[in-house]
Amino acid sequence: MPSLIPLAQTDDAMVEQLLDRAFGADRFARTAYRIREGTDWLDGLSYAAVDDDELLVGTIQVWPIALTDPDGRPYPMLMVGPVAVLPEHQSEGYGKALMMATLDALGSNPALPQVLIGDPEYYDRFFGFTASHTGRWHCPGPNDPARLLVRAANPAVLPENGMLGPWTDETQEQLRKHS
């Protein structure tokens, strides 16, 4: 049975090794890294999974991002991922447990939409993420639009199109200008 702990309680180097094993050393070239570039994962929503021997076998991180509409107005969101599990422990429930912990921490009616890049059938079936509202969203790098997913309490408030990127001080300033 997996035990979940706050990701902040794990060694950063061990997390990086786990991510390398799960996604490969070239993972930094992925579009998801560009979307959240320059930000730090959020402590209260990011977790680690340890096995019965208390060895790190999985992690989930959540990042502050924004969808900026064509008029330059940023909409704050959360990027869920990576959800990483060591290859030899995949299909053992660690990834699902990590997702449930994060979604439980967000509560039943989260204020911010959550975005992830992943398998649409899996993340819709178990967690309510969909590509229905992201078809005209853009990313800073190559992506498969069918894998760009969002989960929101009220998707009607989401911009129809825009560019995803990190939530930075500059993004905050843009929001002030549009308020």
C-alpha atoms as a PDB file:
ATOM      1  CA  MET A   1       0.000   0.000   0.000  1.00  0.00           C
ATOM      2  CA  PRO A   2       1.535   3.343  -1.001  1.00  0.00           C
ATOM      3  CA  SER A   3       2.248   5.970   1.591  1.00  0.00           C
ATOM      4  CA  LEU A   4       1.993   9.549   0.448  1.00  0.00           C
ATOM      5  CA  ILE A   5       4.047  12.350   1.930  1.00  0.00           C
ATOM      6  CA  PRO A   6       4.472  16.008   1.002  1.00  0.00           C
ATOM      7  CA  LEU A   7       6.968  16.296  -1.837  1.00  0.00           C
ATOM      8  CA  ALA A   8       8.843  18.917   0.183  1.00  0.00           C
ATOM      9  CA  GLN A   9       9.904  16.108   2.546  1.00  0.00           C
ATOM     10  CA  THR A  10      11.864  14.321  -0.183  1.00  0.00           C
ATOM     11  CA  ASP A  11      15.379  14.855  -1.430  1.00  0.00           C
ATOM     12  CA  ASP A  12      15.403  16.982  -4.608  1.00  0.00           C
ATOM     13  CA  ALA A  13      18.126  14.835  -6.198  1.00  0.00           C
ATOM     14  CA  MET A  14      16.052  11.679  -5.664  1.00  0.00           C
ATOM     15  CA  VAL A  15      13.037  13.338  -7.296  1.00  0.00           C
ATOM     16  CA  GLU A  16      15.164  14.321 -10.299  1.00  0.00           C
ATOM     17  CA  GLN A  17      16.486  10.751 -10.610  1.00  0.00           C
ATOM     18  CA  LEU A  18      12.943   9.388 -10.474  1.00  0.00           C
ATOM     19  CA  LEU A  19      11.798  11.841 -13.180  1.00  0.00           C
ATOM     20  CA  ASP A  20      14.759  10.852 -15.377  1.00  0.00           C
ATOM     21  CA  ARG A  21      13.864   7.177 -15.028  1.00  0.00           C
ATOM     22  CA  ALA A  22      10.177   7.771 -15.669  1.00  0.00           C
ATOM     23  CA  PHE A  23      10.504  10.177 -18.619  1.00  0.00           C
ATOM     24  CA  GLY A  24      14.109  10.017 -19.815  1.00  0.00           C
ATOM     25  CA  ALA A  25      16.961  12.457 -19.473  1.00  0.00           C
ATOM     26  CA  ASP A  26      15.607  14.470 -22.434  1.00  0.00           C
ATOM     27  CA  ARG A  27      12.459  15.350 -20.476  1.00  0.00           C
ATOM     28  CA  PHE A  28      13.477  19.029 -20.221  1.00  0.00           C
ATOM     29  CA  ALA A  29      12.752  19.460 -23.944  1.00  0.00           C
ATOM     30  CA  ARG A  30       9.079  18.626 -23.426  1.00  0.00           C
ATOM     31  CA  THR A  31       6.455  21.306 -23.886  1.00  0.00           C
ATOM     32  CA  ALA A  32       5.194  20.902 -20.305  1.00  0.00           C
ATOM     33  CA  TYR A  33       8.557  22.180 -19.044  1.00  0.00           C
ATOM     34  CA  ARG A  34       8.204  25.294 -21.208  1.00  0.00           C
ATOM     35  CA  ILE A  35       4.696  25.959 -19.915  1.00  0.00           C
ATOM     36  CA  ARG A  36       5.872  26.078 -16.301  1.00  0.00           C
ATOM     37  CA  GLU A  37       9.375  27.463 -16.912  1.00  0.00           C
ATOM     38  CA  GLY A  38      10.719  29.674 -14.149  1.00  0.00           C
ATOM     39  CA  THR A  39       8.125  28.687 -11.555  1.00  0.00           C
ATOM     40  CA  ASP A  40       8.326  26.430  -8.515  1.00  0.00           C
ATOM     41  CA  TRP A  41       5.946  23.586  -7.797  1.00  0.00           C
ATOM     42  CA  LEU A  42       3.358  24.257  -5.107  1.00  0.00           C
ATOM     43  CA  ASP A  43       4.099  22.639  -1.744  1.00  0.00           C
ATOM     44  CA  GLY A  44       0.521  22.054  -0.597  1.00  0.00           C
ATOM     45  CA  LEU A  45      -0.502  20.200  -3.761  1.00  0.00           C
ATOM     46  CA  SER A  46       2.630  18.180  -4.621  1.00  0.00           C
ATOM     47  CA  TYR A  47       3.268  14.711  -3.190  1.00  0.00           C
ATOM     48  CA  ALA A  48       5.635  11.760  -3.172  1.00  0.00           C
ATOM     49  CA  ALA A  49       4.717   8.085  -2.996  1.00  0.00           C
ATOM     50  CA  VAL A  50       6.905   5.667  -1.075  1.00  0.00           C
ATOM     51  CA  ASP A  51       6.675   1.891  -1.078  1.00  0.00           C
ATOM     52  CA  ASP A  52       6.602  -0.440   1.929  1.00  0.00           C
ATOM     53  CA  ASP A  53      10.390  -0.107   2.241  1.00  0.00           C
ATOM     54  CA  GLU A  54       9.994   3.709   2.290  1.00  0.00           C
ATOM     55  CA  LEU A  55      11.721   4.060  -1.082  1.00  0.00           C
ATOM     56  CA  LEU A  56      10.580   6.850  -3.400  1.00  0.00           C
ATOM     57  CA  VAL A  57       8.550   5.333  -6.242  1.00  0.00           C
ATOM     58  CA  GLY A  58       6.408   8.221  -7.507  1.00  0.00           C
ATOM     59  CA  THR A  59       5.759  11.940  -7.448  1.00  0.00           C
ATOM     60  CA  ILE A  60       3.212  14.495  -8.541  1.00  0.00           C
ATOM     61  CA  GLN A  61       3.875  18.184  -8.884  1.00  0.00           C
ATOM     62  CA  VAL A  62       1.481  21.090  -9.376  1.00  0.00           C
ATOM     63  CA  TRP A  63       2.602  24.408 -10.854  1.00  0.00           C
ATOM     64  CA  PRO A  64       1.147  27.923 -11.181  1.00  0.00           C
ATOM     65  CA  ILE A  65       0.494  28.732 -14.848  1.00  0.00           C
ATOM     66  CA  ALA A  66      -1.712  31.035 -16.888  1.00  0.00           C
ATOM     67  CA  LEU A  67      -3.691  30.952 -20.099  1.00  0.00           C
ATOM     68  CA  THR A  68      -3.239  34.350 -21.729  1.00  0.00           C
ATOM     69  CA  ASP A  69      -6.023  35.312 -24.123  1.00  0.00           C
ATOM     70  CA  PRO A  70      -5.416  37.181 -27.414  1.00  0.00           C
ATOM     71  CA  ASP A  71      -6.050  40.513 -25.625  1.00  0.00           C
ATOM     72  CA  GLY A  72      -3.215  39.810 -23.172  1.00  0.00           C
ATOM     73  CA  ARG A  73      -5.404  38.993 -20.170  1.00  0.00           C
ATOM     74  CA  PRO A  74      -3.968  36.108 -18.128  1.00  0.00           C
ATOM     75  CA  TYR A  75      -6.237  33.527 -16.500  1.00  0.00           C
ATOM     76  CA  PRO A  76      -4.567  31.765 -13.560  1.00  0.00           C
ATOM     77  CA  MET A  77      -4.563  27.979 -13.656  1.00  0.00           C
ATOM     78  CA  LEU A  78      -2.744  25.038 -12.146  1.00  0.00           C
ATOM     79  CA  MET A  79      -0.692  22.587 -14.171  1.00  0.00           C
ATOM     80  CA  VAL A  80      -0.855  19.065 -12.789  1.00  0.00           C
ATOM     81  CA  GLY A  81       2.177  17.014 -13.604  1.00  0.00           C
ATOM     82  CA  PRO A  82       4.376  15.407 -14.091  1.00  0.00           C
ATOM     83  CA  VAL A  83       2.780  12.392 -12.508  1.00  0.00           C
ATOM     84  CA  ALA A  84       5.801  10.098 -12.416  1.00  0.00           C
ATOM     85  CA  VAL A  85       6.126   6.515 -11.240  1.00  0.00           C
ATOM     86  CA  LEU A  86       9.197   4.335 -11.577  1.00  0.00           C
ATOM     87  CA  PRO A  87       8.725   1.971 -14.531  1.00  0.00           C
ATOM     88  CA  GLU A  88       8.880  -1.158 -12.364  1.00  0.00           C
ATOM     89  CA  HIS A  89       6.054   0.170 -10.158  1.00  0.00           C
ATOM     90  CA  GLN A  90       3.670   1.365 -12.843  1.00  0.00           C
ATOM     91  CA  SER A  91       0.190  -0.182 -12.828  1.00  0.00           C
ATOM     92  CA  GLU A  92       0.401  -0.667  -9.048  1.00  0.00           C
ATOM     93  CA  GLY A  93      -1.869   2.277  -8.176  1.00  0.00           C
ATOM     94  CA  TYR A  94       0.783   4.816  -7.239  1.00  0.00           C
ATOM     95  CA  GLY A  95      -0.098   7.279  -9.990  1.00  0.00           C
ATOM     96  CA  LYS A  96      -3.798   7.117  -9.228  1.00  0.00           C
ATOM     97  CA  ALA A  97      -3.142   7.591  -5.498  1.00  0.00           C
ATOM     98  CA  LEU A  98      -0.970  10.627  -6.235  1.00  0.00           C
ATOM     99  CA  MET A  99      -3.666  12.158  -8.467  1.00  0.00           C
ATOM    100  CA  MET A 100      -6.349  11.543  -5.849  1.00  0.00           C
ATOM    101  CA  ALA A 101      -4.225  13.186  -3.142  1.00  0.00           C
ATOM    102  CA  THR A 102      -3.745  16.299  -5.246  1.00  0.00           C
ATOM    103  CA  LEU A 103      -7.394  16.510  -6.267  1.00  0.00           C
ATOM    104  CA  ASP A 104      -8.500  15.949  -2.663  1.00  0.00           C
ATOM    105  CA  ALA A 105      -6.188  18.773  -1.559  1.00  0.00           C
ATOM    106  CA  LEU A 106      -7.829  21.037  -4.152  1.00  0.00           C
ATOM    107  CA  GLY A 107     -11.240  20.278  -2.680  1.00  0.00           C
ATOM    108  CA  SER A 108     -14.571  19.533  -4.300  1.00  0.00           C
ATOM    109  CA  ASN A 109     -14.942  22.940  -5.970  1.00  0.00           C
ATOM    110  CA  PRO A 110     -11.441  24.250  -6.790  1.00  0.00           C
ATOM    111  CA  ALA A 111     -11.164  27.940  -7.584  1.00  0.00           C
ATOM    112  CA  LEU A 112      -8.648  27.446 -10.389  1.00  0.00           C
ATOM    113  CA  PRO A 113      -8.898  25.226 -13.459  1.00  0.00           C
ATOM    114  CA  GLN A 114      -6.344  22.436 -13.634  1.00  0.00           C
ATOM    115  CA  VAL A 115      -4.444  21.634 -16.839  1.00  0.00           C
ATOM    116  CA  LEU A 116      -2.438  18.558 -17.712  1.00  0.00           C
ATOM    117  CA  ILE A 117      -0.919  16.871 -20.705  1.00  0.00           C
ATOM    118  CA  GLY A 118      -1.814  13.195 -20.754  1.00  0.00           C
ATOM    119  CA  ASP A 119      -3.940  10.327 -21.980  1.00  0.00           C
ATOM    120  CA  PRO A 120      -7.435  11.766 -22.530  1.00  0.00           C
ATOM    121  CA  GLU A 121      -9.331   8.525 -21.927  1.00  0.00           C
ATOM    122  CA  TYR A 122      -7.594   7.772 -18.624  1.00  0.00           C
ATOM    123  CA  TYR A 123      -7.694  11.280 -17.171  1.00  0.00           C
ATOM    124  CA  ASP A 124     -11.293  11.876 -18.218  1.00  0.00           C
ATOM    125  CA  ARG A 125     -12.584   8.533 -16.968  1.00  0.00           C
ATOM    126  CA  PHE A 126     -10.973   8.717 -13.534  1.00  0.00           C
ATOM    127  CA  PHE A 127     -10.507  12.428 -12.869  1.00  0.00           C
ATOM    128  CA  GLY A 128     -12.759  14.521 -15.135  1.00  0.00           C
ATOM    129  CA  PHE A 129     -10.098  16.111 -17.362  1.00  0.00           C
ATOM    130  CA  THR A 130     -11.189  16.815 -20.939  1.00  0.00           C
ATOM    131  CA  ALA A 131      -9.904  18.274 -24.187  1.00  0.00           C
ATOM    132  CA  SER A 132     -13.368  19.667 -25.002  1.00  0.00           C
ATOM    133  CA  HIS A 133     -12.368  23.228 -24.116  1.00  0.00           C
ATOM    134  CA  THR A 134      -8.697  23.285 -25.099  1.00  0.00           C
ATOM    135  CA  GLY A 135      -8.862  22.863 -28.870  1.00  0.00           C
ATOM    136  CA  ARG A 136      -7.818  26.459 -29.573  1.00  0.00           C
ATOM    137  CA  TRP A 137      -5.301  26.754 -26.751  1.00  0.00           C
ATOM    138  CA  HIS A 138      -1.659  26.964 -27.703  1.00  0.00           C
ATOM    139  CA  CYS A 139       1.527  25.823 -26.020  1.00  0.00           C
ATOM    140  CA  PRO A 140       5.119  27.088 -26.262  1.00  0.00           C
ATOM    141  CA  GLY A 141       6.267  24.033 -28.149  1.00  0.00           C
ATOM    142  CA  PRO A 142       4.899  21.030 -29.978  1.00  0.00           C
ATOM    143  CA  ASN A 143       1.901  19.283 -28.511  1.00  0.00           C
ATOM    144  CA  ASP A 144      -0.902  16.932 -29.397  1.00  0.00           C
ATOM    145  CA  PRO A 145      -4.128  18.946 -28.893  1.00  0.00           C
ATOM    146  CA  ALA A 146      -6.018  15.784 -27.911  1.00  0.00           C
ATOM    147  CA  ARG A 147      -3.651  15.380 -24.925  1.00  0.00           C
ATOM    148  CA  LEU A 148      -4.019  18.968 -23.644  1.00  0.00           C
ATOM    149  CA  LEU A 149      -6.668  18.549 -20.961  1.00  0.00           C
ATOM    150  CA  VAL A 150      -8.463  20.771 -18.466  1.00  0.00           C
ATOM    151  CA  ARG A 151     -10.653  20.200 -15.431  1.00  0.00           C
ATOM    152  CA  ALA A 152     -12.747  23.139 -14.279  1.00  0.00           C
ATOM    153  CA  ALA A 153     -15.786  23.664 -12.085  1.00  0.00           C
ATOM    154  CA  ASN A 154     -17.268  26.002 -14.703  1.00  0.00           C
ATOM    155  CA  PRO A 155     -15.578  25.588 -18.093  1.00  0.00           C
ATOM    156  CA  ALA A 156     -17.822  28.307 -19.569  1.00  0.00           C
ATOM    157  CA  VAL A 157     -15.576  30.963 -17.986  1.00  0.00           C
ATOM    158  CA  LEU A 158     -12.465  29.677 -19.755  1.00  0.00           C
ATOM    159  CA  PRO A 159     -11.129  31.653 -22.716  1.00  0.00           C
ATOM    160  CA  GLU A 160     -11.815  30.000 -26.033  1.00  0.00           C
ATOM    161  CA  ASN A 161      -8.227  30.489 -27.159  1.00  0.00           C
ATOM    162  CA  GLY A 162      -4.935  31.630 -25.742  1.00  0.00           C
ATOM    163  CA  MET A 163      -1.362  30.683 -24.924  1.00  0.00           C
ATOM    164  CA  LEU A 164      -0.329  28.651 -21.901  1.00  0.00           C
ATOM    165  CA  GLY A 165       2.720  29.734 -19.950  1.00  0.00           C
ATOM    166  CA  PRO A 166       4.145  30.166 -16.472  1.00  0.00           C
ATOM    167  CA  TRP A 167       2.547  32.392 -13.843  1.00  0.00           C
ATOM    168  CA  THR A 168       5.253  34.967 -13.199  1.00  0.00           C
ATOM    169  CA  ASP A 169       5.537  38.458 -11.740  1.00  0.00           C
ATOM    170  CA  GLU A 170       5.017  39.766 -15.282  1.00  0.00           C
ATOM    171  CA  THR A 171       1.814  37.729 -15.558  1.00  0.00           C
ATOM    172  CA  GLN A 172       0.627  39.225 -12.279  1.00  0.00           C
ATOM    173  CA  GLU A 173       1.291  42.723 -13.633  1.00  0.00           C
ATOM    174  CA  GLN A 174      -0.675  41.927 -16.808  1.00  0.00           C
ATOM    175  CA  LEU A 175      -3.604  40.818 -14.670  1.00  0.00           C
ATOM    176  CA  ARG A 176      -3.529  44.130 -12.768  1.00  0.00           C
ATOM    177  CA  LYS A 177      -3.635  46.039 -16.072  1.00  0.00           C
ATOM    178  CA  HIS A 178      -6.733  44.110 -17.176  1.00  0.00           C
ATOM    179  CA  SER A 179      -8.598  44.389 -13.873  1.00  0.00           C
END
